Amino acid sequence: MHIRNIDDVPMKPVEMAGVKGATMAMMCGREHGAPNFSLRQFRVEPGGHTPRHSHDYEHEVVILDGGGTVLLEGRENPIRPGDVILVPANEEHQFRADEAKGLRFLCLVPGVRNCGEVTPGS
């Protein structure tokens, strides 16, 4: 069993080209006994963004706080708390926080893969 509070896990900088003001915490993954999926929390500072990238696996995202946009299907789409987003495999995507509130979201990825778009802890 693995139980932890989302606010108690330390955030670490996302170290990848094209990132501005993004941090990540591994909430539940292989190191916690989850063999199939990894659940990560991201925070993006106001005006910041994740890298513009794609990879060969899908992921699911739930927006918790703040707002901004997600690049999907070649266009910027507004996002807000409560939105659930499917990012298909091989789809170029990027999350951008608005200038006022920033952005916080959960991201679920296959745990059996080396989810190398972020370090550390992926």
Protein backbone atom coordinates (compact mmCIF):
# COMPACT_ATOMS: atom_id res chain seq x y z
CA MET A 1 0.00 0.00 0.00
CA HIS A 2 1.18 3.52 -0.78
CA ILE A 3 -0.60 6.58 0.63
CA ARG A 4 0.75 10.11 0.52
CA ASN A 5 -0.68 13.59 0.36
CA ILE A 6 -0.19 15.59 -2.83
CA ASP A 7 1.03 18.60 -0.84
CA ASP A 8 3.67 16.64 1.11
CA VAL A 9 5.84 15.42 -1.78
CA PRO A 10 8.82 17.67 -2.62
CA MET A 11 8.81 19.19 -6.10
CA LYS A 12 11.98 18.98 -8.22
CA PRO A 13 12.87 21.10 -11.26
CA VAL A 14 12.05 19.66 -14.67
CA GLU A 15 15.41 19.61 -16.42
CA MET A 16 14.80 19.47 -20.15
CA ALA A 17 15.42 21.82 -23.04
CA GLY A 18 12.50 24.16 -23.62
CA VAL A 19 11.21 24.24 -20.02
CA LYS A 20 10.47 27.46 -18.17
CA GLY A 21 9.48 27.40 -14.49
CA ALA A 22 8.20 23.81 -14.24
CA THR A 23 8.63 21.42 -11.30
CA MET A 24 7.53 17.82 -10.82
CA ALA A 25 6.89 15.32 -8.01
CA MET A 26 6.55 11.57 -8.51
CA MET A 27 3.39 10.75 -6.58
CA CYS A 28 3.24 7.02 -7.29
CA GLY A 29 5.41 4.89 -9.58
CA ARG A 30 7.59 1.82 -9.85
CA GLU A 31 9.60 2.81 -6.79
CA HIS A 32 6.33 2.68 -4.80
CA GLY A 33 5.28 -0.73 -6.10
CA ALA A 34 3.13 0.42 -9.05
CA PRO A 35 4.23 -1.77 -12.01
CA ASN A 36 1.98 -0.35 -14.73
CA PHE A 37 1.55 3.41 -14.29
CA SER A 38 3.28 6.47 -12.85
CA LEU A 39 1.33 9.40 -11.46
CA ARG A 40 3.18 12.71 -11.44
CA GLN A 41 2.30 16.19 -10.22
CA PHE A 42 3.51 19.21 -12.17
CA ARG A 43 3.55 22.86 -11.20
CA VAL A 44 4.24 25.57 -13.75
CA GLU A 45 5.01 29.08 -12.54
CA PRO A 46 2.98 31.99 -13.92
CA GLY A 47 4.13 32.57 -17.51
CA GLY A 48 6.07 29.29 -17.55
CA HIS A 49 5.70 26.20 -19.71
CA THR A 50 6.64 22.58 -20.20
CA PRO A 51 8.71 21.65 -23.27
CA ARG A 52 7.08 21.36 -26.66
CA HIS A 53 7.55 17.66 -27.40
CA SER A 54 6.02 14.31 -28.31
CA HIS A 55 6.66 10.68 -27.37
CA ASP A 56 5.43 7.21 -28.28
CA TYR A 57 2.98 6.79 -25.40
CA GLU A 58 -0.26 8.44 -24.38
CA HIS A 59 -0.82 10.22 -21.12
CA GLU A 60 -3.79 11.53 -19.23
CA VAL A 61 -3.81 14.87 -17.44
CA VAL A 62 -6.13 16.41 -14.83
CA ILE A 63 -5.88 20.16 -14.24
CA LEU A 64 -5.99 20.89 -10.49
CA ASP A 65 -5.32 24.63 -10.11
CA GLY A 66 -4.63 27.72 -12.14
CA GLY A 67 -5.08 27.90 -15.87
CA GLY A 68 -3.43 28.36 -19.20
CA THR A 69 -3.32 26.50 -22.47
CA VAL A 70 -2.32 23.12 -23.86
CA LEU A 71 -0.93 22.76 -27.36
CA LEU A 72 -2.71 19.80 -29.02
CA GLU A 73 -3.55 19.09 -32.65
CA GLY A 74 -1.47 22.11 -33.66
CA ARG A 75 -3.46 24.71 -31.71
CA GLU A 76 -3.55 26.27 -28.26
CA ASN A 77 -6.56 25.13 -26.23
CA PRO A 78 -7.62 26.90 -23.00
CA ILE A 79 -7.48 24.77 -19.84
CA ARG A 80 -8.87 25.29 -16.34
CA PRO A 81 -9.32 23.34 -13.09
CA GLY A 82 -11.35 20.18 -13.57
CA ASP A 83 -10.35 19.66 -17.20
CA VAL A 84 -9.26 16.14 -18.18
CA ILE A 85 -6.96 15.90 -21.19
CA LEU A 86 -5.92 12.90 -23.26
CA VAL A 87 -2.57 13.46 -24.94
CA PRO A 88 -2.34 10.75 -27.63
CA ALA A 89 0.92 8.98 -28.43
CA ASN A 90 3.13 10.87 -30.90
CA GLU A 91 1.10 14.09 -30.52
CA GLU A 92 3.17 17.25 -30.09
CA HIS A 93 2.05 18.98 -26.89
CA GLN A 94 2.99 21.69 -24.41
CA PHE A 95 1.38 23.09 -21.27
CA ARG A 96 1.57 26.86 -20.71
CA ALA A 97 0.58 28.59 -17.48
CA ASP A 98 -1.25 31.88 -17.57
CA GLU A 99 0.58 34.99 -16.40
CA ALA A 100 -1.47 35.43 -13.21
CA LYS A 101 -2.14 32.08 -11.54
CA GLY A 102 0.30 29.50 -12.82
CA LEU A 103 -0.78 25.91 -13.36
CA ARG A 104 -0.87 22.65 -11.40
CA PHE A 105 -1.81 19.27 -12.89
CA LEU A 106 -1.56 15.52 -12.46
CA CYS A 107 -0.17 13.42 -15.29
CA LEU A 108 -0.57 9.65 -15.62
CA VAL A 109 1.92 7.79 -17.86
CA PRO A 110 2.77 4.14 -18.48
CA GLY A 111 5.03 3.06 -15.63
CA VAL A 112 6.75 0.33 -17.58
CA ARG A 113 8.39 2.91 -19.84
CA ASN A 114 11.34 5.13 -19.11
CA CYS A 115 9.39 8.39 -19.21
CA GLY A 116 12.46 10.38 -20.10
CA GLU A 117 10.84 13.73 -20.81
CA VAL A 118 11.54 14.82 -17.25
CA THR A 119 14.27 14.25 -14.73
CA PRO A 120 14.65 13.33 -11.94
CA GLY A 121 12.27 10.64 -10.78
CA SER A 122 10.66 9.71 -14.04
